[in-house]
């Protein structure tokens, strides 16, 4: 089983090693239900006709034979008609004969199979599963809350029926396990500039979540169509502290950008004064000008002008 390392974009999903499936879906042998229904109705009519004919026969033995034959034909017709199945779009029938898997009916409409088989209805429609809000610790040990929604459907009805006890509960449990595992592998916010984080790299993390979910539920014949985080936040007990940390980081980033811009403006001002020969500045006057401009450009408040009636050296 591969291990996940939090080393930026080269991280790989840590997926479990599920057992190989023992049974695969194949198409069950069936015929059109309309023809089977017609034969069944004809059998009922024939059986009823034989019983009715028995009343017109005078011999006791002949009457008994006709009644018994008509009853057997009617029972056989009713038994044959019990093999009829109505399959709606987005549904399938898993067919078993004495406990043995005999195939799956996916063709919608009225179909007929061996009446001695059992047919289990299973939905193949697209479904949503949304986890509850889970509280876990991220890679840095900070408690966070997160929830996810998974879009899935049954791809292999045989595996969904025979490889797991309850594929609905299996998908629910494995989804929660995958979400928890992804959460503990990555931090909410990465301290390293190149590291992956749950908040900053949502697309990459959801791709890894989908890969892990696919590996976990593949044994149940389930296909993962999409997975997304629907809730992601720090736990209430540390939310205020982490908010202050984020605000401090935003202030530092803003200050850095302001200083970089101010340095560029001062450099451009000095270069333009020198090029146009507006005034000749020695090193001390340049230093004073740079200091004044940096204060004006980087200060939080509006500058207060001071009129200097003397000179720089007095």
Protein backbone atom coordinates (compact mmCIF):
# COMPACT_ATOMS: atom_id res chain seq x y z
CA UNK A 1 0.00 0.00 0.00
CA UNK A 2 1.56 3.32 -1.02
CA UNK A 3 2.05 6.03 1.56
CA UNK A 4 1.05 9.64 1.07
CA UNK A 5 3.69 12.33 1.56
CA UNK A 6 2.79 15.97 1.81
CA UNK A 7 5.39 17.23 -0.65
CA UNK A 8 3.44 19.61 -2.83
CA UNK A 9 2.00 18.65 -6.18
CA UNK A 10 3.91 15.34 -6.27
CA UNK A 11 1.76 13.87 -3.51
CA UNK A 12 -0.11 10.71 -4.39
CA UNK A 13 -3.29 9.39 -2.90
CA UNK A 14 -2.98 6.67 -0.27
CA UNK A 15 -5.53 4.13 -1.45
CA UNK A 16 -6.48 0.86 0.28
CA UNK A 17 -5.88 -2.54 -1.30
CA UNK A 18 -9.35 -4.01 -1.76
CA UNK A 19 -9.85 -7.72 -2.58
CA UNK A 20 -10.49 -8.74 -6.18
CA UNK A 21 -14.18 -9.32 -7.00
CA UNK A 22 -15.33 -12.96 -7.16
CA UNK A 23 -18.26 -12.29 -9.50
CA UNK A 24 -18.81 -9.95 -12.42
CA UNK A 25 -22.01 -8.76 -14.05
CA UNK A 26 -23.17 -10.38 -17.26
CA UNK A 27 -26.45 -10.26 -19.16
CA UNK A 28 -29.13 -12.72 -18.07
CA UNK A 29 -30.93 -14.83 -20.66
CA UNK A 30 -34.42 -13.40 -21.16
CA UNK A 31 -37.05 -13.04 -23.87
CA UNK A 32 -39.59 -10.40 -24.72
CA UNK A 33 -42.32 -10.26 -22.13
CA UNK A 34 -45.10 -9.56 -24.63
CA UNK A 35 -44.73 -12.93 -26.33
CA UNK A 36 -44.48 -14.73 -22.99
CA UNK A 37 -47.57 -12.93 -21.71
CA UNK A 38 -49.51 -13.95 -24.82
CA UNK A 39 -48.52 -17.60 -24.37
CA UNK A 40 -49.51 -17.47 -20.71
CA UNK A 41 -52.92 -16.04 -21.50
CA UNK A 42 -53.45 -18.68 -24.20
CA UNK A 43 -52.54 -21.35 -21.65
CA UNK A 44 -55.10 -19.98 -19.20
CA UNK A 45 -57.76 -19.89 -21.91
CA UNK A 46 -56.87 -23.43 -22.96
CA UNK A 47 -57.01 -24.70 -19.39
CA UNK A 48 -60.36 -23.00 -18.81
CA UNK A 49 -61.66 -24.43 -22.08
CA UNK A 50 -60.66 -27.96 -21.10
CA UNK A 51 -62.41 -27.61 -17.76
CA UNK A 52 -65.52 -26.23 -19.47
CA UNK A 53 -65.47 -29.05 -22.02
CA UNK A 54 -65.46 -31.60 -19.21
CA UNK A 55 -69.02 -30.61 -18.28
CA UNK A 56 -70.24 -31.68 -21.71
CA UNK A 57 -68.59 -35.11 -21.60
CA UNK A 58 -70.73 -37.95 -20.25
CA UNK A 59 -67.99 -40.33 -19.12
CA UNK A 60 -66.70 -39.92 -15.59
CA UNK A 61 -63.16 -40.90 -16.51
CA UNK A 62 -63.09 -38.50 -19.44
CA UNK A 63 -64.44 -35.67 -17.29
CA UNK A 64 -61.79 -36.27 -14.66
CA UNK A 65 -59.04 -36.40 -17.27
CA UNK A 66 -60.17 -33.14 -18.89
CA UNK A 67 -60.51 -31.36 -15.55
CA UNK A 68 -57.10 -32.51 -14.36
CA UNK A 69 -55.48 -31.63 -17.68
CA UNK A 70 -57.15 -28.21 -17.78
CA UNK A 71 -56.08 -27.48 -14.18
CA UNK A 72 -52.49 -28.51 -14.91
CA UNK A 73 -52.40 -26.33 -18.04
CA UNK A 74 -53.78 -23.33 -16.12
CA UNK A 75 -51.32 -23.82 -13.23
CA UNK A 76 -48.44 -24.17 -15.72
CA UNK A 77 -49.55 -20.97 -17.47
CA UNK A 78 -49.76 -19.10 -14.17
CA UNK A 79 -46.36 -20.46 -13.15
CA UNK A 80 -44.85 -19.41 -16.49
CA UNK A 81 -46.38 -15.94 -16.19
CA UNK A 82 -44.68 -15.49 -12.81
CA UNK A 83 -41.44 -15.18 -14.77
CA UNK A 84 -42.56 -11.83 -16.19
CA UNK A 85 -40.66 -8.75 -14.99
CA UNK A 86 -41.29 -5.08 -15.60
CA UNK A 87 -37.95 -3.27 -15.74
CA UNK A 88 -38.12 0.53 -15.59
CA UNK A 89 -35.42 2.82 -17.06
CA UNK A 90 -32.60 3.26 -14.55
CA UNK A 91 -33.29 -0.10 -12.92
CA UNK A 92 -31.93 -3.63 -13.23
CA UNK A 93 -32.91 -7.11 -12.05
CA UNK A 94 -30.29 -9.39 -10.53
CA UNK A 95 -31.31 -12.97 -11.38
CA UNK A 96 -30.47 -15.95 -9.13
CA UNK A 97 -31.35 -19.61 -9.54
CA UNK A 98 -31.12 -21.64 -6.34
CA UNK A 99 -28.57 -19.20 -4.94
CA UNK A 100 -26.43 -19.04 -8.07
CA UNK A 101 -26.02 -15.79 -10.00
CA UNK A 102 -27.55 -16.18 -13.46
CA UNK A 103 -27.06 -12.66 -14.84
CA UNK A 104 -28.62 -9.19 -14.79
CA UNK A 105 -31.51 -7.78 -16.80
CA UNK A 106 -30.84 -4.15 -17.77
CA UNK A 107 -33.10 -3.87 -20.83
CA UNK A 108 -36.17 -1.90 -19.83
CA UNK A 109 -39.68 -3.03 -20.58
CA UNK A 110 -41.47 -6.33 -20.01
CA UNK A 111 -39.04 -9.27 -19.93
CA UNK A 112 -39.44 -12.97 -19.14
CA UNK A 113 -36.96 -15.22 -17.39
CA UNK A 114 -37.05 -18.66 -15.78
CA UNK A 115 -39.94 -18.49 -13.27
CA UNK A 116 -37.97 -20.53 -10.73
CA UNK A 117 -35.38 -17.77 -10.42
CA UNK A 118 -35.44 -14.93 -7.90
CA UNK A 119 -35.14 -11.39 -9.25
CA UNK A 120 -33.81 -8.58 -7.05
CA UNK A 121 -34.46 -5.00 -8.11
CA UNK A 122 -31.49 -2.64 -7.94
CA UNK A 123 -31.34 0.99 -9.01
CA UNK A 124 -28.68 2.08 -11.48
CA UNK A 125 -29.61 5.77 -11.36
CA UNK A 126 -27.15 8.50 -10.40
CA UNK A 127 -27.27 9.22 -6.67
CA UNK A 128 -25.93 11.82 -4.24
CA UNK A 129 -24.44 11.10 -0.86
CA UNK A 130 -23.62 14.01 1.44
CA UNK A 131 -21.65 13.33 4.58
CA UNK A 132 -22.40 14.93 7.89
CA UNK A 133 -20.08 17.71 9.10
CA UNK A 134 -17.02 15.81 10.36
CA UNK A 135 -14.62 17.15 12.97
CA UNK A 136 -11.03 16.00 12.42
CA UNK A 137 -7.46 17.24 12.93
CA UNK A 138 -5.57 18.40 9.85
CA UNK A 139 -1.92 17.65 9.10
CA UNK A 140 -0.81 20.36 11.59
CA UNK A 141 -3.07 19.03 14.32
CA UNK A 142 -5.59 21.86 14.09
CA UNK A 143 -9.23 20.80 14.57
CA UNK A 144 -11.28 21.50 11.45
CA UNK A 145 -14.79 20.79 10.25
CA UNK A 146 -15.53 19.50 6.77
CA UNK A 147 -18.23 17.76 4.76
CA UNK A 148 -18.35 16.40 1.23
CA UNK A 149 -20.89 15.36 -1.38
CA UNK A 150 -20.29 12.36 -3.65
CA UNK A 151 -22.11 11.68 -6.92
CA UNK A 152 -22.15 7.95 -7.70
CA UNK A 153 -24.05 5.11 -9.31
CA UNK A 154 -24.01 1.32 -9.43
CA UNK A 155 -21.89 0.16 -12.36
CA UNK A 156 -21.72 -3.59 -11.65
CA UNK A 157 -24.93 -4.95 -10.14
CA UNK A 158 -23.41 -8.35 -9.37
CA UNK A 159 -20.65 -6.86 -7.24
CA UNK A 160 -23.10 -4.52 -5.51
CA UNK A 161 -25.32 -7.49 -4.62
CA UNK A 162 -22.79 -10.17 -3.69
CA UNK A 163 -19.45 -8.56 -2.85
CA UNK A 164 -20.67 -6.38 0.04
CA UNK A 165 -23.39 -6.83 2.63
CA UNK A 166 -25.17 -3.50 1.92
CA UNK A 167 -23.73 -1.35 -0.84
CA UNK A 168 -25.58 1.78 0.34
CA UNK A 169 -24.09 1.55 3.82
CA UNK A 170 -20.74 0.56 2.31
CA UNK A 171 -20.60 3.71 0.15
CA UNK A 172 -21.61 5.88 3.12
CA UNK A 173 -18.95 4.41 5.44
CA UNK A 174 -16.16 4.45 2.86
CA UNK A 175 -16.96 8.03 1.87
CA UNK A 176 -16.63 9.20 5.47
CA UNK A 177 -13.39 7.23 5.86
CA UNK A 178 -11.92 8.76 2.69
CA UNK A 179 -12.88 12.30 3.71
CA UNK A 180 -11.31 11.83 7.15
CA UNK A 181 -8.14 10.37 5.64
CA UNK A 182 -7.73 13.21 3.15
CA UNK A 183 -8.30 15.76 5.94
CA UNK A 184 -5.52 14.40 8.16
CA UNK A 185 -3.07 14.20 5.26
CA UNK A 186 -3.17 17.92 4.38
CA UNK A 187 -3.30 21.16 6.39
CA UNK A 188 -6.15 23.63 6.24
CA UNK A 189 -3.64 26.35 5.28
CA UNK A 190 -0.10 25.43 4.22
CA UNK A 191 2.73 27.23 6.00
CA UNK A 192 5.09 26.31 3.16
CA UNK A 193 4.57 28.30 -0.01
CA UNK A 194 4.69 25.24 -2.29
CA UNK A 195 2.69 22.86 -0.09
CA UNK A 196 -0.83 21.65 -0.76
CA UNK A 197 -3.63 22.78 1.54
CA UNK A 198 -7.32 21.99 1.83
CA UNK A 199 -8.34 25.62 1.36
CA UNK A 200 -5.78 26.74 -1.20
CA UNK A 201 -5.72 23.67 -3.47
CA UNK A 202 -9.35 22.56 -3.57
CA UNK A 203 -9.17 21.14 -7.10
CA UNK A 204 -6.11 18.99 -6.44
CA UNK A 205 -7.47 17.74 -3.12
CA UNK A 206 -10.87 16.79 -4.58
CA UNK A 207 -9.10 14.88 -7.36
CA UNK A 208 -7.20 12.90 -4.73
CA UNK A 209 -10.44 12.35 -2.84
CA UNK A 210 -12.08 10.97 -5.98
CA UNK A 211 -9.13 8.62 -6.60
CA UNK A 212 -9.26 7.27 -3.06
CA UNK A 213 -13.05 6.92 -3.11
CA UNK A 214 -12.90 5.00 -6.38
CA UNK A 215 -10.37 2.57 -4.90
CA UNK A 216 -12.47 2.10 -1.77
CA UNK A 217 -15.85 1.45 -3.43
CA UNK A 218 -14.70 -0.32 -6.59
CA UNK A 219 -15.16 -3.68 -4.86
CA UNK A 220 -18.89 -2.88 -4.51
CA UNK A 221 -19.27 -2.21 -8.24
CA UNK A 222 -19.82 1.52 -7.65
CA UNK A 223 -18.62 4.27 -9.97
CA UNK A 224 -17.67 7.65 -8.49
CA UNK A 225 -18.76 10.41 -10.87
CA UNK A 226 -17.75 13.47 -8.83
CA UNK A 227 -16.79 14.43 -5.30
CA UNK A 228 -16.66 17.91 -3.76
CA UNK A 229 -16.18 19.49 -0.35
CA UNK A 230 -19.34 21.30 0.71
CA UNK A 231 -18.10 22.60 4.07
CA UNK A 232 -14.59 23.49 5.20
CA UNK A 233 -13.79 25.60 8.26
CA UNK A 234 -11.76 25.68 11.43
CA UNK A 235 -13.45 24.26 14.52
CA UNK A 236 -15.19 26.93 16.65
CA UNK A 237 -12.68 26.66 19.50
CA UNK A 238 -9.79 27.88 17.34
CA UNK A 239 -11.64 29.81 14.66
CA UNK A 240 -11.02 33.23 16.24
CA UNK A 241 -7.30 32.56 16.74
CA UNK A 242 -6.90 31.34 13.17
CA UNK A 243 -8.82 34.35 11.92
CA UNK A 244 -6.34 36.65 13.63
CA UNK A 245 -3.50 34.68 12.07
CA UNK A 246 -5.04 35.03 8.62
CA UNK A 247 -5.63 38.72 9.17
CA UNK A 248 -2.02 39.19 10.27
CA UNK A 249 -0.80 37.36 7.20
CA UNK A 250 -2.98 39.54 5.00
CA UNK A 251 -1.64 42.70 6.66
CA UNK A 252 1.97 41.55 6.19
CA UNK A 253 1.32 40.72 2.54
CA UNK A 254 -0.35 44.08 1.97
CA UNK A 255 2.53 45.94 3.67
CA UNK A 256 5.04 44.06 1.56
CA UNK A 257 3.23 45.06 -1.61
CA UNK A 258 2.97 48.67 -0.46
CA UNK A 259 6.70 48.84 0.34
CA UNK A 260 7.63 47.25 -3.00
CA UNK A 261 5.47 49.78 -4.81
CA UNK A 262 6.84 52.70 -2.78
CA UNK A 263 10.44 51.70 -3.51
CA UNK A 264 9.65 51.58 -7.22
CA UNK A 265 8.00 55.00 -7.12
CA UNK A 266 10.93 56.56 -5.23
CA UNK A 267 13.39 55.02 -7.65
CA UNK A 268 11.42 56.35 -10.62
CA UNK A 269 11.20 59.84 -9.04
CA UNK A 270 14.93 60.05 -8.43
CA UNK A 271 15.70 58.79 -11.92
CA UNK A 272 13.36 61.35 -13.52
CA UNK A 273 14.78 64.23 -11.48
CA UNK A 274 18.26 63.21 -12.51
CA UNK A 275 17.36 62.77 -16.19
CA UNK A 276 15.54 66.09 -16.56
CA UNK A 277 18.15 67.90 -14.42
CA UNK A 278 15.44 69.55 -12.33
CA UNK A 279 17.64 69.97 -9.29
CA UNK A 280 21.02 68.65 -8.26
CA UNK A 281 20.80 66.47 -5.18
CA UNK A 282 23.74 65.31 -3.16
CA UNK A 283 23.64 62.07 -1.18
CA UNK A 284 22.28 63.68 1.97
CA UNK A 285 19.44 65.41 0.12
CA UNK A 286 18.65 62.15 -1.72
CA UNK A 287 18.48 60.34 1.62
CA UNK A 288 16.13 62.98 3.03
CA UNK A 289 13.95 62.83 -0.08
CA UNK A 290 13.80 59.04 0.04
CA UNK A 291 12.87 59.15 3.73
CA UNK A 292 10.11 61.68 3.16
CA UNK A 293 8.67 59.83 0.17
CA UNK A 294 8.68 56.49 1.99
CA UNK A 295 6.85 58.01 4.94
CA UNK A 296 4.25 59.56 2.65
CA UNK A 297 3.73 56.44 0.53
CA UNK A 298 3.80 53.84 3.32
CA UNK A 299 2.04 55.70 6.10
CA UNK A 300 -1.44 54.75 7.30
CA UNK A 301 -2.53 58.35 7.71
CA UNK A 302 -2.48 61.33 5.41
CA UNK A 303 0.82 63.25 5.72
CA UNK A 304 0.92 66.71 7.34
CA UNK A 305 2.99 69.10 5.21
CA UNK A 306 5.71 71.08 7.00
CA UNK A 307 7.03 74.27 5.43
CA UNK A 308 10.77 74.48 5.80
CA UNK A 309 11.86 78.18 5.68
CA UNK A 310 15.48 77.38 6.23
CA UNK A 311 17.83 74.96 4.55
CA UNK A 312 18.47 71.31 4.99
CA UNK A 313 21.69 72.04 6.88
CA UNK A 314 20.29 74.58 9.37
